[in-house]
Amino acid sequence: MKKLPEVEGARELMTEAMAWSVMKWLREKKRVRKAADEANAALDHLNQVVKESWSKEARAAYQELVGQGQDVDCKRQPAIDSEARLFAKTVKKADEAASRARIDAESTFDEAERQLSTSLAREGCRKAIYSWDLHEKAIDKAEAPIRPRTP
């Protein structure tokens, strides 16, 4: 996966921010949130672009997992082989881990702001960086090609 400048910039800012004082946090918290939002948006966009490049079978397998419990028109869905299902399951699991980490980081930042806690803000920085690492790994998994079936 290519390195995204938004993510690399946010990662540098978060690393720097881990040493800030309370006053610096109060002055810079909007910049930190903006950088995090831009990094998340860039990763979300890349993730979408990668998934749009999948074969119909891979998209159908992933959609089947994501849309479980919803009415899906089976007549229009392509036949899905076990390899595509396994690929989709692996990607979905990685996506869910990245999503949980992102929510955890955002919650930690919210709590740090409520309490004016630099230790929680530092923890939020660590969690944000970790969530981007997981999101990048999920995109790497999504980029893995599905080998075509041999007759």
N, C-alpha and C. Protein backbone atom coordinates (compact mmCIF):
# COMPACT_ATOMS: atom_id res chain seq x y z
N MET A 1 0.84 -1.17 0.00
CA MET A 1 0.00 0.00 0.00
C MET A 1 0.89 1.24 0.00
N LYS A 2 0.51 2.21 -0.79
CA LYS A 2 1.28 3.45 -0.82
C LYS A 2 1.03 4.26 0.45
N LYS A 3 2.03 5.00 0.86
CA LYS A 3 1.91 5.85 2.04
C LYS A 3 1.09 7.09 1.66
N LEU A 4 0.13 7.41 2.49
CA LEU A 4 -0.71 8.58 2.25
C LEU A 4 -0.15 9.78 3.02
N PRO A 5 0.03 10.92 2.35
CA PRO A 5 0.61 12.08 3.03
C PRO A 5 -0.23 12.56 4.22
N GLU A 6 -1.55 12.42 4.13
CA GLU A 6 -2.42 12.84 5.23
C GLU A 6 -2.16 11.99 6.48
N VAL A 7 -1.96 10.71 6.27
CA VAL A 7 -1.73 9.80 7.38
C VAL A 7 -0.33 10.03 7.96
N GLU A 8 0.65 10.18 7.09
CA GLU A 8 2.02 10.40 7.57
C GLU A 8 2.12 11.72 8.34
N GLY A 9 1.47 12.77 7.84
CA GLY A 9 1.47 14.05 8.54
C GLY A 9 0.78 13.96 9.89
N ALA A 10 -0.35 13.29 9.94
CA ALA A 10 -1.08 13.12 11.20
C ALA A 10 -0.27 12.27 12.18
N ARG A 11 0.39 11.26 11.66
CA ARG A 11 1.22 10.39 12.51
C ARG A 11 2.35 11.21 13.15
N GLU A 12 2.99 12.07 12.37
CA GLU A 12 4.06 12.93 12.90
C GLU A 12 3.51 13.89 13.95
N LEU A 13 2.36 14.49 13.66
CA LEU A 13 1.75 15.42 14.60
C LEU A 13 1.38 14.72 15.91
N MET A 14 0.81 13.54 15.82
CA MET A 14 0.43 12.79 17.02
C MET A 14 1.66 12.41 17.85
N THR A 15 2.72 12.04 17.16
CA THR A 15 3.95 11.69 17.87
C THR A 15 4.50 12.92 18.61
N GLU A 16 4.48 14.04 17.94
CA GLU A 16 4.92 15.29 18.57
C GLU A 16 3.99 15.68 19.72
N ALA A 17 2.70 15.50 19.52
CA ALA A 17 1.70 15.93 20.51
C ALA A 17 1.79 15.14 21.81
N MET A 18 2.37 13.98 21.78
CA MET A 18 2.48 13.18 22.99
C MET A 18 3.35 13.85 24.05
N ALA A 19 4.11 14.87 23.66
CA ALA A 19 4.97 15.57 24.62
C ALA A 19 4.41 16.95 25.00
N TRP A 20 3.24 17.30 24.51
CA TRP A 20 2.71 18.64 24.76
C TRP A 20 2.22 18.82 26.19
N SER A 21 2.26 20.06 26.62
CA SER A 21 1.69 20.45 27.93
C SER A 21 0.18 20.63 27.78
N VAL A 22 -0.49 20.84 28.90
CA VAL A 22 -1.93 21.07 28.87
C VAL A 22 -2.25 22.31 28.04
N MET A 23 -1.51 23.36 28.24
CA MET A 23 -1.77 24.62 27.51
C MET A 23 -1.59 24.42 26.01
N LYS A 24 -0.57 23.70 25.62
CA LYS A 24 -0.34 23.44 24.20
C LYS A 24 -1.49 22.62 23.63
N TRP A 25 -1.97 21.63 24.40
CA TRP A 25 -3.12 20.82 23.97
C TRP A 25 -4.35 21.70 23.76
N LEU A 26 -4.59 22.60 24.68
CA LEU A 26 -5.76 23.47 24.56
C LEU A 26 -5.67 24.33 23.30
N ARG A 27 -4.47 24.79 22.97
CA ARG A 27 -4.29 25.63 21.77
C ARG A 27 -4.35 24.81 20.49
N GLU A 28 -3.88 23.58 20.53
CA GLU A 28 -3.68 22.79 19.30
C GLU A 28 -4.68 21.66 19.07
N LYS A 29 -5.65 21.48 19.98
CA LYS A 29 -6.52 20.32 19.87
C LYS A 29 -7.33 20.31 18.57
N LYS A 30 -7.72 21.48 18.08
CA LYS A 30 -8.47 21.52 16.81
C LYS A 30 -7.61 21.06 15.64
N ARG A 31 -6.34 21.45 15.67
CA ARG A 31 -5.42 21.03 14.61
C ARG A 31 -5.20 19.52 14.65
N VAL A 32 -5.11 18.96 15.85
CA VAL A 32 -4.93 17.52 16.01
C VAL A 32 -6.16 16.78 15.48
N ARG A 33 -7.33 17.24 15.87
CA ARG A 33 -8.57 16.59 15.40
C ARG A 33 -8.70 16.69 13.88
N LYS A 34 -8.37 17.86 13.34
CA LYS A 34 -8.47 18.04 11.89
C LYS A 34 -7.52 17.09 11.16
N ALA A 35 -6.30 16.98 11.66
CA ALA A 35 -5.32 16.07 11.04
C ALA A 35 -5.81 14.63 11.12
N ALA A 36 -6.37 14.25 12.26
CA ALA A 36 -6.89 12.89 12.42
C ALA A 36 -8.06 12.64 11.46
N ASP A 37 -8.95 13.62 11.36
CA ASP A 37 -10.10 13.48 10.45
C ASP A 37 -9.63 13.35 9.00
N GLU A 38 -8.62 14.14 8.62
CA GLU A 38 -8.10 14.06 7.25
C GLU A 38 -7.43 12.72 6.98
N ALA A 39 -6.71 12.21 7.96
CA ALA A 39 -6.06 10.90 7.81
C ALA A 39 -7.12 9.80 7.67
N ASN A 40 -8.14 9.87 8.51
CA ASN A 40 -9.22 8.87 8.42
C ASN A 40 -9.94 8.95 7.09
N ALA A 41 -10.21 10.17 6.62
CA ALA A 41 -10.90 10.33 5.33
C ALA A 41 -10.05 9.79 4.18
N ALA A 42 -8.75 10.03 4.22
CA ALA A 42 -7.86 9.53 3.16
C ALA A 42 -7.83 8.00 3.16
N LEU A 43 -7.76 7.41 4.35
CA LEU A 43 -7.77 5.95 4.44
C LEU A 43 -9.11 5.38 3.98
N ASP A 44 -10.20 6.02 4.37
CA ASP A 44 -11.53 5.56 3.94
C ASP A 44 -11.66 5.62 2.42
N HIS A 45 -11.15 6.70 1.83
CA HIS A 45 -11.23 6.86 0.38
C HIS A 45 -10.41 5.78 -0.33
N LEU A 46 -9.18 5.56 0.13
CA LEU A 46 -8.34 4.53 -0.48
C LEU A 46 -8.99 3.15 -0.34
N ASN A 47 -9.55 2.89 0.82
CA ASN A 47 -10.23 1.62 1.07
C ASN A 47 -11.37 1.43 0.06
N GLN A 48 -12.13 2.47 -0.16
CA GLN A 48 -13.24 2.40 -1.12
C GLN A 48 -12.73 2.16 -2.54
N VAL A 49 -11.68 2.86 -2.93
CA VAL A 49 -11.11 2.69 -4.27
C VAL A 49 -10.63 1.25 -4.48
N VAL A 50 -9.96 0.71 -3.47
CA VAL A 50 -9.46 -0.67 -3.57
C VAL A 50 -10.63 -1.64 -3.72
N LYS A 51 -11.66 -1.47 -2.92
CA LYS A 51 -12.80 -2.40 -2.98
C LYS A 51 -13.58 -2.26 -4.28
N GLU A 52 -13.59 -1.08 -4.86
CA GLU A 52 -14.26 -0.91 -6.15
C GLU A 52 -13.50 -1.61 -7.27
N SER A 53 -12.22 -1.90 -7.06
CA SER A 53 -11.42 -2.58 -8.08
C SER A 53 -11.56 -4.10 -8.01
N TRP A 54 -12.25 -4.60 -6.98
CA TRP A 54 -12.43 -6.04 -6.83
C TRP A 54 -13.29 -6.60 -7.95
N SER A 55 -13.18 -7.89 -8.13
CA SER A 55 -14.05 -8.59 -9.07
C SER A 55 -15.48 -8.58 -8.53
N LYS A 56 -16.43 -8.85 -9.39
CA LYS A 56 -17.84 -8.91 -8.95
C LYS A 56 -18.02 -9.97 -7.87
N GLU A 57 -17.32 -11.08 -8.03
CA GLU A 57 -17.44 -12.18 -7.07
C GLU A 57 -16.94 -11.76 -5.69
N ALA A 58 -15.79 -11.07 -5.64
CA ALA A 58 -15.24 -10.62 -4.36
C ALA A 58 -16.16 -9.59 -3.72
N ARG A 59 -16.68 -8.66 -4.52
CA ARG A 59 -17.61 -7.65 -3.98
C ARG A 59 -18.87 -8.31 -3.44
N ALA A 60 -19.37 -9.29 -4.17
CA ALA A 60 -20.59 -9.99 -3.73
C ALA A 60 -20.34 -10.74 -2.42
N ALA A 61 -19.17 -11.38 -2.31
CA ALA A 61 -18.85 -12.12 -1.08
C ALA A 61 -18.74 -11.17 0.10
N TYR A 62 -18.11 -10.02 -0.10
CA TYR A 62 -17.98 -9.04 0.99
C TYR A 62 -19.35 -8.46 1.35
N GLN A 63 -20.12 -8.13 0.34
CA GLN A 63 -21.45 -7.55 0.57
C GLN A 63 -22.36 -8.55 1.29
N GLU A 64 -22.18 -9.81 0.97
CA GLU A 64 -22.95 -10.85 1.65
C GLU A 64 -22.66 -10.85 3.16
N LEU A 65 -21.39 -10.66 3.51
CA LEU A 65 -21.01 -10.61 4.93
C LEU A 65 -21.48 -9.33 5.60
N VAL A 66 -21.27 -8.21 4.93
CA VAL A 66 -21.64 -6.91 5.49
C VAL A 66 -23.16 -6.77 5.57
N GLY A 67 -23.85 -7.30 4.60
CA GLY A 67 -25.29 -7.13 4.53
C GLY A 67 -26.08 -8.28 5.13
N GLN A 68 -25.45 -9.09 5.97
CA GLN A 68 -26.17 -10.22 6.57
C GLN A 68 -27.40 -9.71 7.30
N GLY A 69 -28.50 -10.40 7.07
CA GLY A 69 -29.76 -10.02 7.71
C GLY A 69 -30.58 -9.07 6.86
N GLN A 70 -30.00 -8.59 5.76
CA GLN A 70 -30.74 -7.71 4.86
C GLN A 70 -31.25 -8.51 3.69
N ASP A 71 -32.30 -8.03 3.05
CA ASP A 71 -32.81 -8.69 1.87
C ASP A 71 -31.84 -8.46 0.72
N VAL A 72 -31.33 -9.53 0.17
CA VAL A 72 -30.41 -9.45 -0.95
C VAL A 72 -31.03 -10.23 -2.10
N ASP A 73 -31.05 -9.64 -3.27
CA ASP A 73 -31.61 -10.28 -4.44
C ASP A 73 -30.64 -11.35 -4.92
N CYS A 74 -30.89 -12.60 -4.56
CA CYS A 74 -30.00 -13.71 -4.88
C CYS A 74 -29.89 -13.97 -6.38
N LYS A 75 -30.91 -13.62 -7.13
CA LYS A 75 -30.89 -13.88 -8.56
C LYS A 75 -29.84 -13.03 -9.27
N ARG A 76 -29.55 -11.84 -8.73
CA ARG A 76 -28.60 -10.95 -9.39
C ARG A 76 -27.18 -11.12 -8.84
N GLN A 77 -27.00 -11.91 -7.81
CA GLN A 77 -25.68 -12.12 -7.23
C GLN A 77 -24.94 -13.21 -8.01
N PRO A 78 -23.65 -12.98 -8.30
CA PRO A 78 -22.88 -14.04 -8.96
C PRO A 78 -22.62 -15.18 -7.98
N ALA A 79 -22.33 -16.35 -8.53
CA ALA A 79 -21.98 -17.49 -7.68
C ALA A 79 -20.67 -17.14 -6.98
N ILE A 80 -20.60 -17.47 -5.69
CA ILE A 80 -19.44 -17.10 -4.91
C ILE A 80 -18.72 -18.37 -4.47
N ASP A 81 -17.44 -18.49 -4.83
CA ASP A 81 -16.70 -19.68 -4.43
C ASP A 81 -16.11 -19.49 -3.03
N SER A 82 -15.59 -20.56 -2.47
CA SER A 82 -15.09 -20.54 -1.10
C SER A 82 -13.86 -19.63 -0.95
N GLU A 83 -13.05 -19.53 -1.99
CA GLU A 83 -11.88 -18.66 -1.92
C GLU A 83 -12.29 -17.19 -1.79
N ALA A 84 -13.31 -16.79 -2.54
CA ALA A 84 -13.80 -15.41 -2.45
C ALA A 84 -14.43 -15.16 -1.08
N ARG A 85 -15.14 -16.14 -0.57
CA ARG A 85 -15.74 -15.99 0.76
C ARG A 85 -14.67 -15.85 1.85
N LEU A 86 -13.62 -16.65 1.75
CA LEU A 86 -12.53 -16.58 2.72
C LEU A 86 -11.82 -15.23 2.62
N PHE A 87 -11.57 -14.76 1.41
CA PHE A 87 -10.96 -13.46 1.19
C PHE A 87 -11.83 -12.37 1.83
N ALA A 88 -13.12 -12.40 1.55
CA ALA A 88 -14.04 -11.39 2.09
C ALA A 88 -14.08 -11.43 3.61
N LYS A 89 -14.08 -12.62 4.17
CA LYS A 89 -14.11 -12.76 5.63
C LYS A 89 -12.84 -12.17 6.26
N THR A 90 -11.70 -12.42 5.64
CA THR A 90 -10.43 -11.89 6.13
C THR A 90 -10.43 -10.37 6.09
N VAL A 91 -10.88 -9.80 4.99
CA VAL A 91 -10.92 -8.35 4.84
C VAL A 91 -11.92 -7.74 5.82
N LYS A 92 -13.08 -8.35 5.96
CA LYS A 92 -14.09 -7.82 6.88
C LYS A 92 -13.58 -7.83 8.32
N LYS A 93 -12.91 -8.89 8.71
CA LYS A 93 -12.35 -8.98 10.07
C LYS A 93 -11.34 -7.86 10.29
N ALA A 94 -10.48 -7.61 9.31
CA ALA A 94 -9.49 -6.54 9.41
C ALA A 94 -10.17 -5.17 9.45
N ASP A 95 -11.20 -4.98 8.63
CA ASP A 95 -11.96 -3.72 8.64
C ASP A 95 -12.59 -3.46 10.00
N GLU A 96 -13.16 -4.50 10.58
CA GLU A 96 -13.82 -4.36 11.88
C GLU A 96 -12.82 -4.01 12.98
N ALA A 97 -11.64 -4.61 12.95
CA ALA A 97 -10.61 -4.30 13.95
C ALA A 97 -10.17 -2.84 13.81
N ALA A 98 -9.99 -2.38 12.58
CA ALA A 98 -9.60 -0.99 12.36
C ALA A 98 -10.70 -0.03 12.82
N SER A 99 -11.93 -0.39 12.55
CA SER A 99 -13.06 0.45 12.96
C SER A 99 -13.16 0.54 14.49
N ARG A 100 -13.01 -0.59 15.16
CA ARG A 100 -13.05 -0.58 16.63
C ARG A 100 -11.93 0.29 17.20
N ALA A 101 -10.73 0.19 16.63
CA ALA A 101 -9.60 0.98 17.11
C ALA A 101 -9.84 2.47 16.88
N ARG A 102 -10.43 2.81 15.75
CA ARG A 102 -10.74 4.22 15.46
C ARG A 102 -11.75 4.78 16.45
N ILE A 103 -12.78 4.02 16.72
CA ILE A 103 -13.80 4.45 17.68
C ILE A 103 -13.19 4.61 19.06
N ASP A 104 -12.32 3.69 19.43
CA ASP A 104 -11.65 3.76 20.73
C ASP A 104 -10.79 5.02 20.83
N ALA A 105 -10.04 5.33 19.77
CA ALA A 105 -9.19 6.53 19.77
C ALA A 105 -10.05 7.79 19.88
N GLU A 106 -11.14 7.84 19.11
CA GLU A 106 -12.00 9.02 19.16
C GLU A 106 -12.64 9.18 20.53
N SER A 107 -13.05 8.09 21.14
CA SER A 107 -13.62 8.14 22.49
C SER A 107 -12.60 8.63 23.51
N THR A 108 -11.38 8.18 23.35
CA THR A 108 -10.31 8.60 24.27
C THR A 108 -10.05 10.10 24.13
N PHE A 109 -10.01 10.60 22.90
CA PHE A 109 -9.85 12.04 22.69
C PHE A 109 -11.01 12.83 23.29
N ASP A 110 -12.23 12.33 23.11
CA ASP A 110 -13.40 13.01 23.69
C ASP A 110 -13.29 13.08 25.21
N GLU A 111 -12.90 11.98 25.80
CA GLU A 111 -12.77 11.95 27.27
C GLU A 111 -11.62 12.84 27.73
N ALA A 112 -10.54 12.87 26.99
CA ALA A 112 -9.40 13.74 27.34
C ALA A 112 -9.83 15.20 27.31
N GLU A 113 -10.64 15.55 26.33
CA GLU A 113 -11.12 16.94 26.23
C GLU A 113 -12.05 17.28 27.39
N ARG A 114 -12.93 16.36 27.75
CA ARG A 114 -13.84 16.60 28.87
C ARG A 114 -13.09 16.79 30.18
N GLN A 115 -12.07 15.97 30.38
CA GLN A 115 -11.33 16.01 31.63
C GLN A 115 -10.11 16.96 31.60
N LEU A 116 -9.83 17.53 30.43
CA LEU A 116 -8.61 18.32 30.24
C LEU A 116 -7.39 17.52 30.70
N SER A 117 -7.32 16.29 30.23
CA SER A 117 -6.28 15.36 30.66
C SER A 117 -5.25 15.15 29.56
N THR A 118 -4.02 15.57 29.83
CA THR A 118 -2.96 15.35 28.85
C THR A 118 -2.59 13.87 28.76
N SER A 119 -2.70 13.16 29.86
CA SER A 119 -2.36 11.72 29.80
C SER A 119 -3.36 10.98 28.91
N LEU A 120 -4.64 11.34 29.02
CA LEU A 120 -5.63 10.72 28.12
C LEU A 120 -5.43 11.18 26.68
N ALA A 121 -5.05 12.43 26.49
CA ALA A 121 -4.80 12.92 25.13
C ALA A 121 -3.62 12.17 24.51
N ARG A 122 -2.60 11.92 25.30
CA ARG A 122 -1.45 11.14 24.80
C ARG A 122 -1.89 9.72 24.44
N GLU A 123 -2.72 9.15 25.30
CA GLU A 123 -3.25 7.81 25.01
C GLU A 123 -4.08 7.83 23.72
N GLY A 124 -4.85 8.90 23.53
CA GLY A 124 -5.62 9.05 22.30
C GLY A 124 -4.72 9.10 21.07
N CYS A 125 -3.59 9.78 21.20
CA CYS A 125 -2.61 9.83 20.10
C CYS A 125 -2.10 8.43 19.77
N ARG A 126 -1.72 7.69 20.80
CA ARG A 126 -1.23 6.32 20.58
C ARG A 126 -2.31 5.46 19.92
N LYS A 127 -3.54 5.62 20.40
CA LYS A 127 -4.63 4.82 19.84
C LYS A 127 -4.94 5.23 18.39
N ALA A 128 -4.83 6.51 18.08
CA ALA A 128 -5.08 6.96 16.71
C ALA A 128 -4.04 6.37 15.76
N ILE A 129 -2.77 6.43 16.17
CA ILE A 129 -1.71 5.86 15.34
C ILE A 129 -1.94 4.36 15.14
N TYR A 130 -2.31 3.68 16.21
CA TYR A 130 -2.60 2.24 16.12
C TYR A 130 -3.77 1.98 15.18
N SER A 131 -4.80 2.82 15.24
CA SER A 131 -5.96 2.62 14.36
C SER A 131 -5.57 2.80 12.90
N TRP A 132 -4.68 3.75 12.62
CA TRP A 132 -4.23 3.94 11.23
C TRP A 132 -3.39 2.75 10.78
N ASP A 133 -2.58 2.22 11.68
CA ASP A 133 -1.81 1.01 11.34
C ASP A 133 -2.76 -0.13 10.97
N LEU A 134 -3.80 -0.32 11.77
CA LEU A 134 -4.77 -1.38 11.48
C LEU A 134 -5.52 -1.12 10.18
N HIS A 135 -5.87 0.14 9.94
CA HIS A 135 -6.58 0.47 8.70
C HIS A 135 -5.68 0.20 7.49
N GLU A 136 -4.42 0.55 7.60
CA GLU A 136 -3.48 0.28 6.50
C GLU A 136 -3.34 -1.23 6.27
N LYS A 137 -3.28 -2.01 7.35
CA LYS A 137 -3.20 -3.47 7.21
C LYS A 137 -4.46 -4.02 6.56
N ALA A 138 -5.61 -3.46 6.91
CA ALA A 138 -6.87 -3.91 6.31
C ALA A 138 -6.87 -3.60 4.81
N ILE A 139 -6.36 -2.44 4.44
CA ILE A 139 -6.29 -2.09 3.01
C ILE A 139 -5.31 -3.01 2.30
N ASP A 140 -4.19 -3.33 2.95
CA ASP A 140 -3.24 -4.29 2.37
C ASP A 140 -3.93 -5.62 2.09
N LYS A 141 -4.72 -6.09 3.04
CA LYS A 141 -5.45 -7.35 2.84
C LYS A 141 -6.45 -7.22 1.68
N ALA A 142 -7.10 -6.07 1.60
CA ALA A 142 -8.08 -5.84 0.53
C ALA A 142 -7.42 -5.76 -0.84
N GLU A 143 -6.17 -5.36 -0.86
CA GLU A 143 -5.44 -5.26 -2.13
C GLU A 143 -4.93 -6.61 -2.62
N ALA A 144 -4.89 -7.59 -1.73
CA ALA A 144 -4.39 -8.91 -2.11
C ALA A 144 -5.27 -9.49 -3.21
N PRO A 145 -4.67 -9.84 -4.31
CA PRO A 145 -5.48 -10.35 -5.42
C PRO A 145 -6.06 -11.73 -5.13
N ILE A 146 -7.22 -11.92 -5.67
CA ILE A 146 -7.83 -13.26 -5.61
C ILE A 146 -7.37 -13.98 -6.87
N ARG A 147 -6.74 -15.10 -6.66
CA ARG A 147 -6.27 -15.85 -7.83
C ARG A 147 -7.48 -16.37 -8.61
N PRO A 148 -7.43 -16.26 -9.92
CA PRO A 148 -8.53 -16.78 -10.72
C PRO A 148 -8.59 -18.31 -10.62
N ARG A 149 -9.78 -18.81 -10.67
CA ARG A 149 -9.95 -20.28 -10.61
C ARG A 149 -9.39 -20.92 -11.86
N THR A 150 -8.73 -22.03 -11.69
CA THR A 150 -8.22 -22.76 -12.85
C THR A 150 -9.23 -23.84 -13.20
N PRO A 151 -9.52 -23.99 -14.50
CA PRO A 151 -10.51 -24.99 -14.91
C PRO A 151 -10.04 -26.41 -14.74
